[in-house]
Amino acid sequence: FSTDTQVTCEKCGFVAYNDSLSCVQWCKYARKCVGDEMYEHMMEIAA
């Protein structure tokens, strides 16, 4: 799902990461919405 950051393969257990954009990456209000510290943290995780 677009809201998942990762998912585990049910067959072999491999962890696949969601490399799609989260709202923090595209929304112009993201920094105001989540605050400076959380915004920076989330952008680091996305990178």
All heavy atoms as atom14 arrays in JSON, in Angstrom:
{
  "sequence": "FSTDTQVTCEKCGFVAYNDSLSCVQWCKYARKCVGDEMYEHMMEIAA",
  "atom14_mask": [
    [1, 1, 1, 1, 1, 1, 1, 1, 1, 1, 1, 0, 0, 0],
    [1, 1, 1, 1, 1, 1, 0, 0, 0, 0, 0, 0, 0, 0],
    [1, 1, 1, 1, 1, 1, 1, 0, 0, 0, 0, 0, 0, 0],
    [1, 1, 1, 1, 1, 1, 1, 1, 0, 0, 0, 0, 0, 0],
    [1, 1, 1, 1, 1, 1, 1, 0, 0, 0, 0, 0, 0, 0],
    [1, 1, 1, 1, 1, 1, 1, 1, 1, 0, 0, 0, 0, 0],
    [1, 1, 1, 1, 1, 1, 1, 0, 0, 0, 0, 0, 0, 0],
    [1, 1, 1, 1, 1, 1, 1, 0, 0, 0, 0, 0, 0, 0],
    [1, 1, 1, 1, 1, 1, 0, 0, 0, 0, 0, 0, 0, 0],
    [1, 1, 1, 1, 1, 1, 1, 1, 1, 0, 0, 0, 0, 0],
    [1, 1, 1, 1, 1, 1, 1, 1, 1, 0, 0, 0, 0, 0],
    [1, 1, 1, 1, 1, 1, 0, 0, 0, 0, 0, 0, 0, 0],
    [1, 1, 1, 1, 0, 0, 0, 0, 0, 0, 0, 0, 0, 0],
    [1, 1, 1, 1, 1, 1, 1, 1, 1, 1, 1, 0, 0, 0],
    [1, 1, 1, 1, 1, 1, 1, 0, 0, 0, 0, 0, 0, 0],
    [1, 1, 1, 1, 1, 0, 0, 0, 0, 0, 0, 0, 0, 0],
    [1, 1, 1, 1, 1, 1, 1, 1, 1, 1, 1, 1, 0, 0],
    [1, 1, 1, 1, 1, 1, 1, 1, 0, 0, 0, 0, 0, 0],
    [1, 1, 1, 1, 1, 1, 1, 1, 0, 0, 0, 0, 0, 0],
    [1, 1, 1, 1, 1, 1, 0, 0, 0, 0, 0, 0, 0, 0],
    [1, 1, 1, 1, 1, 1, 1, 1, 0, 0, 0, 0, 0, 0],
    [1, 1, 1, 1, 1, 1, 0, 0, 0, 0, 0, 0, 0, 0],
    [1, 1, 1, 1, 1, 1, 0, 0, 0, 0, 0, 0, 0, 0],
    [1, 1, 1, 1, 1, 1, 1, 0, 0, 0, 0, 0, 0, 0],
    [1, 1, 1, 1, 1, 1, 1, 1, 1, 0, 0, 0, 0, 0],
    [1, 1, 1, 1, 1, 1, 1, 1, 1, 1, 1, 1, 1, 1],
    [1, 1, 1, 1, 1, 1, 0, 0, 0, 0, 0, 0, 0, 0],
    [1, 1, 1, 1, 1, 1, 1, 1, 1, 0, 0, 0, 0, 0],
    [1, 1, 1, 1, 1, 1, 1, 1, 1, 1, 1, 1, 0, 0],
    [1, 1, 1, 1, 1, 0, 0, 0, 0, 0, 0, 0, 0, 0],
    [1, 1, 1, 1, 1, 1, 1, 1, 1, 1, 1, 0, 0, 0],
    [1, 1, 1, 1, 1, 1, 1, 1, 1, 0, 0, 0, 0, 0],
    [1, 1, 1, 1, 1, 1, 0, 0, 0, 0, 0, 0, 0, 0],
    [1, 1, 1, 1, 1, 1, 1, 0, 0, 0, 0, 0, 0, 0],
    [1, 1, 1, 1, 0, 0, 0, 0, 0, 0, 0, 0, 0, 0],
    [1, 1, 1, 1, 1, 1, 1, 1, 0, 0, 0, 0, 0, 0],
    [1, 1, 1, 1, 1, 1, 1, 1, 1, 0, 0, 0, 0, 0],
    [1, 1, 1, 1, 1, 1, 1, 1, 0, 0, 0, 0, 0, 0],
    [1, 1, 1, 1, 1, 1, 1, 1, 1, 1, 1, 1, 0, 0],
    [1, 1, 1, 1, 1, 1, 1, 1, 1, 0, 0, 0, 0, 0],
    [1, 1, 1, 1, 1, 1, 1, 1, 1, 1, 0, 0, 0, 0],
    [1, 1, 1, 1, 1, 1, 1, 1, 0, 0, 0, 0, 0, 0],
    [1, 1, 1, 1, 1, 1, 1, 1, 0, 0, 0, 0, 0, 0],
    [1, 1, 1, 1, 1, 1, 1, 1, 1, 0, 0, 0, 0, 0],
    [1, 1, 1, 1, 1, 1, 1, 1, 0, 0, 0, 0, 0, 0],
    [1, 1, 1, 1, 1, 0, 0, 0, 0, 0, 0, 0, 0, 0],
    [1, 1, 1, 1, 1, 0, 0, 0, 0, 0, 0, 0, 0, 0]
  ],
  "atom14_positions": [
    [[0.84, -1.19, 0.0], [0.0, 0.0, 0.0], [0.88, 1.24, 0.0], [2.0, 1.22, 0.52], [-0.92, 0.02, 1.23], [-2.08, -0.92, 1.12], [-1.99, -2.21, 1.61], [-3.26, -0.51, 0.53], [-3.06, -3.08, 1.51], [-4.33, -1.37, 0.42], [-4.23, -2.67, 0.91], [0.0, 0.0, 0.0], [0.0, 0.0, 0.0], [0.0, 0.0, 0.0]],
    [[0.37, 2.32, -0.55], [1.13, 3.57, -0.61], [1.44, 4.1, 0.78], [2.37, 4.88, 0.95], [0.36, 4.62, -1.42], [-0.92, 4.84, -0.86], [0.0, 0.0, 0.0], [0.0, 0.0, 0.0], [0.0, 0.0, 0.0], [0.0, 0.0, 0.0], [0.0, 0.0, 0.0], [0.0, 0.0, 0.0], [0.0, 0.0, 0.0], [0.0, 0.0, 0.0]],
    [[0.69, 3.68, 1.79], [0.92, 4.13, 3.16], [1.94, 3.26, 3.9], [2.36, 3.6, 4.99], [-0.41, 4.15, 3.95], [-1.01, 2.85, 3.86], [-1.35, 5.2, 3.41], [0.0, 0.0, 0.0], [0.0, 0.0, 0.0], [0.0, 0.0, 0.0], [0.0, 0.0, 0.0], [0.0, 0.0, 0.0], [0.0, 0.0, 0.0], [0.0, 0.0, 0.0]],
    [[2.34, 2.12, 3.31], [3.32, 1.23, 3.94], [4.73, 1.69, 3.59], [5.0, 2.1, 2.48], [3.17, -0.21, 3.43], [1.87, -0.86, 3.86], [1.31, -0.45, 4.88], [1.42, -1.79, 3.15], [0.0, 0.0, 0.0], [0.0, 0.0, 0.0], [0.0, 0.0, 0.0], [0.0, 0.0, 0.0], [0.0, 0.0, 0.0], [0.0, 0.0, 0.0]],
    [[5.64, 1.57, 4.55], [7.04, 1.89, 4.27], [7.79, 0.65, 3.83], [8.78, 0.75, 3.13], [7.74, 2.5, 5.5], [7.62, 1.6, 6.6], [7.13, 3.84, 5.86], [0.0, 0.0, 0.0], [0.0, 0.0, 0.0], [0.0, 0.0, 0.0], [0.0, 0.0, 0.0], [0.0, 0.0, 0.0], [0.0, 0.0, 0.0], [0.0, 0.0, 0.0]],
    [[7.33, -0.51, 4.27], [7.96, -1.76, 3.87], [6.94, -2.88, 3.99], [5.93, -2.75, 4.67], [9.18, -2.07, 4.74], [8.85, -2.3, 6.21], [10.1, -2.42, 7.06], [11.03, -1.65, 6.9], [10.11, -3.39, 7.95], [0.0, 0.0, 0.0], [0.0, 0.0, 0.0], [0.0, 0.0, 0.0], [0.0, 0.0, 0.0], [0.0, 0.0, 0.0]],
    [[7.22, -3.99, 3.31], [6.35, -5.16, 3.38], [7.25, -6.4, 3.27], [8.27, -6.38, 2.6], [5.26, -5.13, 2.28], [5.86, -5.26, 0.9], [4.21, -6.19, 2.51], [0.0, 0.0, 0.0], [0.0, 0.0, 0.0], [0.0, 0.0, 0.0], [0.0, 0.0, 0.0], [0.0, 0.0, 0.0], [0.0, 0.0, 0.0], [0.0, 0.0, 0.0]],
    [[6.84, -7.45, 3.99], [7.6, -8.69, 3.98], [6.94, -9.68, 3.02], [5.72, -9.87, 3.06], [7.64, -9.3, 5.4], [8.2, -8.34, 6.29], [8.46, -10.57, 5.43], [0.0, 0.0, 0.0], [0.0, 0.0, 0.0], [0.0, 0.0, 0.0], [0.0, 0.0, 0.0], [0.0, 0.0, 0.0], [0.0, 0.0, 0.0], [0.0, 0.0, 0.0]],
    [[7.73, -10.28, 2.17], [7.23, -11.29, 1.24], [6.69, -12.47, 2.05], [7.39, -13.0, 2.92], [8.34, -11.75, 0.3], [7.84, -13.09, -0.82], [0.0, 0.0, 0.0], [0.0, 0.0, 0.0], [0.0, 0.0, 0.0], [0.0, 0.0, 0.0], [0.0, 0.0, 0.0], [0.0, 0.0, 0.0], [0.0, 0.0, 0.0], [0.0, 0.0, 0.0]],
    [[5.46, -12.86, 1.77], [4.84, -13.96, 2.5], [5.49, -15.3, 2.17], [5.43, -16.23, 2.96], [3.35, -14.01, 2.2], [2.59, -12.83, 2.79], [1.1, -12.88, 2.5], [0.6, -13.89, 1.98], [0.43, -11.88, 2.81], [0.0, 0.0, 0.0], [0.0, 0.0, 0.0], [0.0, 0.0, 0.0], [0.0, 0.0, 0.0], [0.0, 0.0, 0.0]],
    [[6.11, -15.4, 1.02], [6.71, -16.68, 0.6], [8.1, -16.9, 1.19], [8.39, -17.96, 1.73], [6.76, -16.77, -0.92], [7.21, -18.12, -1.43], [7.07, -18.23, -2.92], [7.52, -19.61, -3.37], [7.44, -19.75, -4.82], [0.0, 0.0, 0.0], [0.0, 0.0, 0.0], [0.0, 0.0, 0.0], [0.0, 0.0, 0.0], [0.0, 0.0, 0.0]],
    [[8.97, -15.87, 1.09], [10.36, -16.09, 1.5], [10.83, -15.21, 2.67], [11.92, -15.39, 3.17], [11.3, -15.9, 0.31], [11.47, -14.19, -0.22], [0.0, 0.0, 0.0], [0.0, 0.0, 0.0], [0.0, 0.0, 0.0], [0.0, 0.0, 0.0], [0.0, 0.0, 0.0], [0.0, 0.0, 0.0], [0.0, 0.0, 0.0], [0.0, 0.0, 0.0]],
    [[10.03, -14.2, 3.05], [10.4, -13.35, 4.17], [11.26, -12.15, 3.82], [11.66, -11.38, 4.69], [0.0, 0.0, 0.0], [0.0, 0.0, 0.0], [0.0, 0.0, 0.0], [0.0, 0.0, 0.0], [0.0, 0.0, 0.0], [0.0, 0.0, 0.0], [0.0, 0.0, 0.0], [0.0, 0.0, 0.0], [0.0, 0.0, 0.0], [0.0, 0.0, 0.0]],
    [[11.55, -11.96, 2.53], [12.35, -10.81, 2.1], [11.6, -9.52, 2.42], [10.39, -9.42, 2.21], [12.61, -10.89, 0.58], [13.46, -9.77, 0.06], [14.84, -9.84, 0.13], [12.88, -8.65, -0.51], [15.63, -8.81, -0.37], [13.66, -7.62, -1.01], [15.05, -7.7, -0.93], [0.0, 0.0, 0.0], [0.0, 0.0, 0.0], [0.0, 0.0, 0.0]],
    [[12.29, -8.5, 2.93], [11.66, -7.22, 3.24], [11.88, -6.28, 2.07], [13.01, -5.94, 1.73], [12.24, -6.6, 4.54], [11.63, -5.24, 4.8], [12.0, -7.53, 5.72], [0.0, 0.0, 0.0], [0.0, 0.0, 0.0], [0.0, 0.0, 0.0], [0.0, 0.0, 0.0], [0.0, 0.0, 0.0], [0.0, 0.0, 0.0], [0.0, 0.0, 0.0]],
    [[10.78, -5.87, 1.44], [10.82, -4.93, 0.32], [10.39, -3.56, 0.82], [9.45, -3.45, 1.62], [9.91, -5.39, -0.81], [0.0, 0.0, 0.0], [0.0, 0.0, 0.0], [0.0, 0.0, 0.0], [0.0, 0.0, 0.0], [0.0, 0.0, 0.0], [0.0, 0.0, 0.0], [0.0, 0.0, 0.0], [0.0, 0.0, 0.0], [0.0, 0.0, 0.0]],
    [[11.06, -2.53, 0.38], [10.77, -1.17, 0.81], [9.95, -0.45, -0.24], [10.15, -0.63, -1.43], [12.07, -0.41, 1.1], [12.8, -0.99, 2.28], [13.77, -1.97, 2.1], [12.49, -0.6, 3.56], [14.42, -2.54, 3.18], [13.13, -1.16, 4.65], [14.09, -2.13, 4.45], [14.73, -2.69, 5.52], [0.0, 0.0, 0.0], [0.0, 0.0, 0.0]],
    [[9.06, 0.39, 0.24], [8.23, 1.2, -0.65], [9.03, 2.42, -1.04], [9.34, 3.27, -0.21], [6.94, 1.6, 0.07], [5.97, 2.31, -0.83], [6.29, 2.67, -1.95], [4.77, 2.52, -0.34], [0.0, 0.0, 0.0], [0.0, 0.0, 0.0], [0.0, 0.0, 0.0], [0.0, 0.0, 0.0], [0.0, 0.0, 0.0], [0.0, 0.0, 0.0]],
    [[9.38, 2.52, -2.31], [10.15, 3.67, -2.77], [9.27, 4.73, -3.43], [9.76, 5.63, -4.09], [11.3, 3.25, -3.69], [10.83, 2.4, -4.85], [9.64, 2.06, -4.91], [11.66, 2.08, -5.71], [0.0, 0.0, 0.0], [0.0, 0.0, 0.0], [0.0, 0.0, 0.0], [0.0, 0.0, 0.0], [0.0, 0.0, 0.0], [0.0, 0.0, 0.0]],
    [[7.96, 4.62, -3.22], [7.04, 5.63, -3.73], [7.09, 6.87, -2.83], [7.49, 6.79, -1.68], [5.6, 5.09, -3.75], [5.52, 3.96, -4.57], [0.0, 0.0, 0.0], [0.0, 0.0, 0.0], [0.0, 0.0, 0.0], [0.0, 0.0, 0.0], [0.0, 0.0, 0.0], [0.0, 0.0, 0.0], [0.0, 0.0, 0.0], [0.0, 0.0, 0.0]],
    [[6.67, 7.97, -3.36], [6.69, 9.22, -2.59], [5.63, 9.23, -1.49], [4.5, 8.82, -1.71], [6.43, 10.4, -3.52], [7.46, 10.69, -4.58], [6.98, 11.84, -5.47], [8.79, 11.05, -3.96], [0.0, 0.0, 0.0], [0.0, 0.0, 0.0], [0.0, 0.0, 0.0], [0.0, 0.0, 0.0], [0.0, 0.0, 0.0], [0.0, 0.0, 0.0]],
    [[6.01, 9.66, -0.3], [5.03, 9.88, 0.76], [4.58, 11.34, 0.7], [5.2, 12.16, 0.04], [5.65, 9.58, 2.13], [6.51, 10.63, 2.52], [0.0, 0.0, 0.0], [0.0, 0.0, 0.0], [0.0, 0.0, 0.0], [0.0, 0.0, 0.0], [0.0, 0.0, 0.0], [0.0, 0.0, 0.0], [0.0, 0.0, 0.0], [0.0, 0.0, 0.0]],
    [[3.52, 11.65, 1.4], [3.0, 13.02, 1.35], [4.03, 14.04, 1.84], [4.06, 15.17, 1.39], [1.7, 13.14, 2.14], [1.86, 12.82, 3.91], [0.0, 0.0, 0.0], [0.0, 0.0, 0.0], [0.0, 0.0, 0.0], [0.0, 0.0, 0.0], [0.0, 0.0, 0.0], [0.0, 0.0, 0.0], [0.0, 0.0, 0.0], [0.0, 0.0, 0.0]],
    [[4.92, 13.62, 2.74], [5.95, 14.53, 3.24], [6.88, 14.95, 2.12], [7.39, 16.06, 2.11], [6.73, 13.88, 4.41], [7.92, 14.71, 4.82], [5.8, 13.67, 5.6], [0.0, 0.0, 0.0], [0.0, 0.0, 0.0], [0.0, 0.0, 0.0], [0.0, 0.0, 0.0], [0.0, 0.0, 0.0], [0.0, 0.0, 0.0], [0.0, 0.0, 0.0]],
    [[7.06, 14.09, 1.13], [7.96, 14.4, 0.03], [7.34, 15.31, -1.02], [8.06, 16.01, -1.7], [8.45, 13.11, -0.62], [9.32, 12.29, 0.31], [9.58, 10.92, -0.23], [8.72, 10.06, -0.22], [10.77, 10.72, -0.74], [0.0, 0.0, 0.0], [0.0, 0.0, 0.0], [0.0, 0.0, 0.0], [0.0, 0.0, 0.0], [0.0, 0.0, 0.0]],
    [[6.01, 15.3, -1.16], [5.41, 16.1, -2.23], [4.55, 17.27, -1.74], [4.3, 18.2, -2.48], [4.58, 15.24, -3.18], [3.48, 14.45, -2.54], [3.51, 13.14, -2.21], [2.17, 14.93, -2.17], [2.32, 12.76, -1.65], [1.48, 13.84, -1.62], [1.52, 16.16, -2.25], [0.17, 13.94, -1.14], [0.22, 16.27, -1.78], [-0.44, 15.17, -1.23]],
    [[4.09, 17.24, -0.51], [3.15, 18.27, -0.03], [3.87, 19.54, 0.4], [4.8, 19.49, 1.2], [2.32, 17.72, 1.12], [1.06, 18.88, 1.71], [0.0, 0.0, 0.0], [0.0, 0.0, 0.0], [0.0, 0.0, 0.0], [0.0, 0.0, 0.0], [0.0, 0.0, 0.0], [0.0, 0.0, 0.0], [0.0, 0.0, 0.0], [0.0, 0.0, 0.0]],
    [[3.41, 20.66, -0.1], [4.04, 21.93, 0.25], [3.76, 22.34, 1.69], [4.43, 23.21, 2.24], [3.6, 23.04, -0.72], [2.13, 23.41, -0.63], [1.8, 24.5, -1.63], [0.34, 24.91, -1.56], [0.02, 25.97, -2.5], [0.0, 0.0, 0.0], [0.0, 0.0, 0.0], [0.0, 0.0, 0.0], [0.0, 0.0, 0.0], [0.0, 0.0, 0.0]],
    [[2.81, 21.69, 2.35], [2.48, 22.0, 3.73], [3.13, 21.03, 4.72], [2.91, 21.12, 5.92], [0.97, 21.95, 3.94], [0.2, 22.94, 3.11], [-0.47, 22.54, 1.97], [0.17, 24.29, 3.45], [-1.18, 23.45, 1.2], [-0.53, 25.21, 2.68], [-1.2, 24.78, 1.55], [-1.89, 25.68, 0.78], [0.0, 0.0, 0.0], [0.0, 0.0, 0.0]],
    [[3.91, 20.1, 4.24], [4.44, 19.03, 5.09], [5.19, 19.54, 6.31], [4.98, 19.07, 7.42], [5.32, 18.1, 4.27], [0.0, 0.0, 0.0], [0.0, 0.0, 0.0], [0.0, 0.0, 0.0], [0.0, 0.0, 0.0], [0.0, 0.0, 0.0], [0.0, 0.0, 0.0], [0.0, 0.0, 0.0], [0.0, 0.0, 0.0], [0.0, 0.0, 0.0]],
    [[6.08, 20.48, 6.11], [6.87, 20.98, 7.24], [5.97, 21.61, 8.31], [6.15, 21.38, 9.5], [7.92, 21.98, 6.76], [8.92, 22.36, 7.84], [9.97, 23.33, 7.32], [10.93, 22.71, 6.43], [12.03, 22.08, 6.83], [12.31, 21.97, 8.1], [12.87, 21.56, 5.95], [0.0, 0.0, 0.0], [0.0, 0.0, 0.0], [0.0, 0.0, 0.0]],
    [[4.97, 22.35, 7.88], [4.03, 22.96, 8.83], [3.17, 21.89, 9.49], [2.81, 22.0, 10.65], [3.13, 23.96, 8.12], [3.79, 25.26, 7.76], [2.78, 26.19, 7.13], [3.42, 27.5, 6.74], [2.44, 28.4, 6.11], [0.0, 0.0, 0.0], [0.0, 0.0, 0.0], [0.0, 0.0, 0.0], [0.0, 0.0, 0.0], [0.0, 0.0, 0.0]],
    [[2.84, 20.87, 8.73], [1.95, 19.83, 9.21], [2.59, 18.99, 10.33], [1.98, 18.74, 11.35], [1.53, 18.93, 8.05], [0.35, 17.65, 8.47], [0.0, 0.0, 0.0], [0.0, 0.0, 0.0], [0.0, 0.0, 0.0], [0.0, 0.0, 0.0], [0.0, 0.0, 0.0], [0.0, 0.0, 0.0], [0.0, 0.0, 0.0], [0.0, 0.0, 0.0]],
    [[3.83, 18.56, 10.12], [4.46, 17.65, 11.07], [5.52, 18.31, 11.94], [6.01, 17.71, 12.89], [5.08, 16.43, 10.35], [4.02, 15.63, 9.63], [6.18, 16.83, 9.41], [0.0, 0.0, 0.0], [0.0, 0.0, 0.0], [0.0, 0.0, 0.0], [0.0, 0.0, 0.0], [0.0, 0.0, 0.0], [0.0, 0.0, 0.0], [0.0, 0.0, 0.0]],
    [[5.88, 19.55, 11.65], [6.9, 20.25, 12.42], [8.29, 20.03, 11.84], [8.53, 19.05, 11.13], [0.0, 0.0, 0.0], [0.0, 0.0, 0.0], [0.0, 0.0, 0.0], [0.0, 0.0, 0.0], [0.0, 0.0, 0.0], [0.0, 0.0, 0.0], [0.0, 0.0, 0.0], [0.0, 0.0, 0.0], [0.0, 0.0, 0.0], [0.0, 0.0, 0.0]],
    [[9.19, 20.96, 12.12], [10.54, 20.94, 11.53], [11.31, 19.66, 11.86], [11.89, 19.04, 10.97], [11.35, 22.15, 12.0], [10.88, 23.45, 11.38], [10.3, 23.4, 10.27], [11.09, 24.51, 12.0], [0.0, 0.0, 0.0], [0.0, 0.0, 0.0], [0.0, 0.0, 0.0], [0.0, 0.0, 0.0], [0.0, 0.0, 0.0], [0.0, 0.0, 0.0]],
    [[11.35, 19.29, 13.13], [12.14, 18.14, 13.54], [11.62, 16.85, 12.89], [12.4, 16.07, 12.34], [12.13, 18.01, 15.06], [13.04, 16.93, 15.57], [13.07, 16.86, 17.09], [12.76, 17.88, 17.76], [13.42, 15.8, 17.61], [0.0, 0.0, 0.0], [0.0, 0.0, 0.0], [0.0, 0.0, 0.0], [0.0, 0.0, 0.0], [0.0, 0.0, 0.0]],
    [[10.32, 16.64, 12.94], [9.74, 15.43, 12.35], [9.91, 15.44, 10.83], [10.19, 14.41, 10.23], [8.27, 15.31, 12.72], [7.61, 14.05, 12.16], [8.35, 12.52, 12.71], [7.72, 12.42, 14.36], [0.0, 0.0, 0.0], [0.0, 0.0, 0.0], [0.0, 0.0, 0.0], [0.0, 0.0, 0.0], [0.0, 0.0, 0.0], [0.0, 0.0, 0.0]],
    [[9.75, 16.61, 10.21], [9.93, 16.72, 8.76], [11.33, 16.27, 8.36], [11.5, 15.46, 7.45], [9.67, 18.16, 8.31], [9.91, 18.38, 6.84], [8.93, 18.06, 5.91], [11.11, 18.9, 6.38], [9.15, 18.26, 4.55], [11.34, 19.11, 5.02], [10.34, 18.79, 4.12], [10.56, 18.98, 2.78], [0.0, 0.0, 0.0], [0.0, 0.0, 0.0]],
    [[12.35, 16.79, 9.04], [13.73, 16.43, 8.74], [13.95, 14.93, 8.94], [14.61, 14.28, 8.13], [14.71, 17.24, 9.58], [14.71, 18.72, 9.28], [15.11, 19.06, 7.86], [15.91, 18.3, 7.25], [14.66, 20.08, 7.34], [0.0, 0.0, 0.0], [0.0, 0.0, 0.0], [0.0, 0.0, 0.0], [0.0, 0.0, 0.0], [0.0, 0.0, 0.0]],
    [[13.41, 14.39, 10.02], [13.55, 12.97, 10.31], [12.89, 12.12, 9.22], [13.49, 11.15, 8.73], [12.94, 12.65, 11.68], [13.02, 11.22, 12.08], [14.22, 10.59, 12.36], [12.06, 10.29, 12.25], [13.98, 9.32, 12.67], [12.68, 9.12, 12.61], [0.0, 0.0, 0.0], [0.0, 0.0, 0.0], [0.0, 0.0, 0.0], [0.0, 0.0, 0.0]],
    [[11.7, 12.48, 8.81], [10.97, 11.73, 7.79], [11.67, 11.82, 6.43], [11.7, 10.85, 5.68], [9.52, 12.2, 7.71], [8.73, 11.83, 8.95], [7.07, 12.51, 8.96], [6.25, 11.35, 7.89], [0.0, 0.0, 0.0], [0.0, 0.0, 0.0], [0.0, 0.0, 0.0], [0.0, 0.0, 0.0], [0.0, 0.0, 0.0], [0.0, 0.0, 0.0]],
    [[12.22, 12.98, 6.11], [12.94, 13.13, 4.85], [14.23, 12.28, 4.86], [14.61, 11.72, 3.83], [13.26, 14.59, 4.58], [12.03, 15.43, 4.27], [11.11, 14.86, 2.83], [12.17, 15.44, 1.52], [0.0, 0.0, 0.0], [0.0, 0.0, 0.0], [0.0, 0.0, 0.0], [0.0, 0.0, 0.0], [0.0, 0.0, 0.0], [0.0, 0.0, 0.0]],
    [[14.87, 12.17, 6.01], [16.06, 11.33, 6.13], [15.69, 9.86, 5.92], [16.39, 9.13, 5.2], [16.69, 11.51, 7.51], [17.96, 10.74, 7.71], [18.58, 10.97, 9.08], [18.5, 12.1, 9.6], [19.14, 10.0, 9.63], [0.0, 0.0, 0.0], [0.0, 0.0, 0.0], [0.0, 0.0, 0.0], [0.0, 0.0, 0.0], [0.0, 0.0, 0.0]],
    [[14.59, 9.43, 6.51], [14.12, 8.05, 6.33], [13.8, 7.81, 4.85], [14.16, 6.77, 4.29], [12.9, 7.77, 7.21], [13.32, 7.71, 8.67], [12.21, 6.47, 6.8], [12.17, 7.66, 9.65], [0.0, 0.0, 0.0], [0.0, 0.0, 0.0], [0.0, 0.0, 0.0], [0.0, 0.0, 0.0], [0.0, 0.0, 0.0], [0.0, 0.0, 0.0]],
    [[13.13, 8.76, 4.22], [12.79, 8.63, 2.8], [14.04, 8.49, 1.95], [14.09, 7.67, 1.02], [11.94, 9.82, 2.35], [0.0, 0.0, 0.0], [0.0, 0.0, 0.0], [0.0, 0.0, 0.0], [0.0, 0.0, 0.0], [0.0, 0.0, 0.0], [0.0, 0.0, 0.0], [0.0, 0.0, 0.0], [0.0, 0.0, 0.0], [0.0, 0.0, 0.0]],
    [[15.07, 9.26, 2.25], [16.32, 9.18, 1.5], [16.99, 7.81, 1.7], [17.51, 7.22, 0.74], [17.27, 10.3, 1.93], [0.0, 0.0, 0.0], [0.0, 0.0, 0.0], [0.0, 0.0, 0.0], [0.0, 0.0, 0.0], [0.0, 0.0, 0.0], [0.0, 0.0, 0.0], [0.0, 0.0, 0.0], [0.0, 0.0, 0.0], [0.0, 0.0, 0.0]]
  ]
}
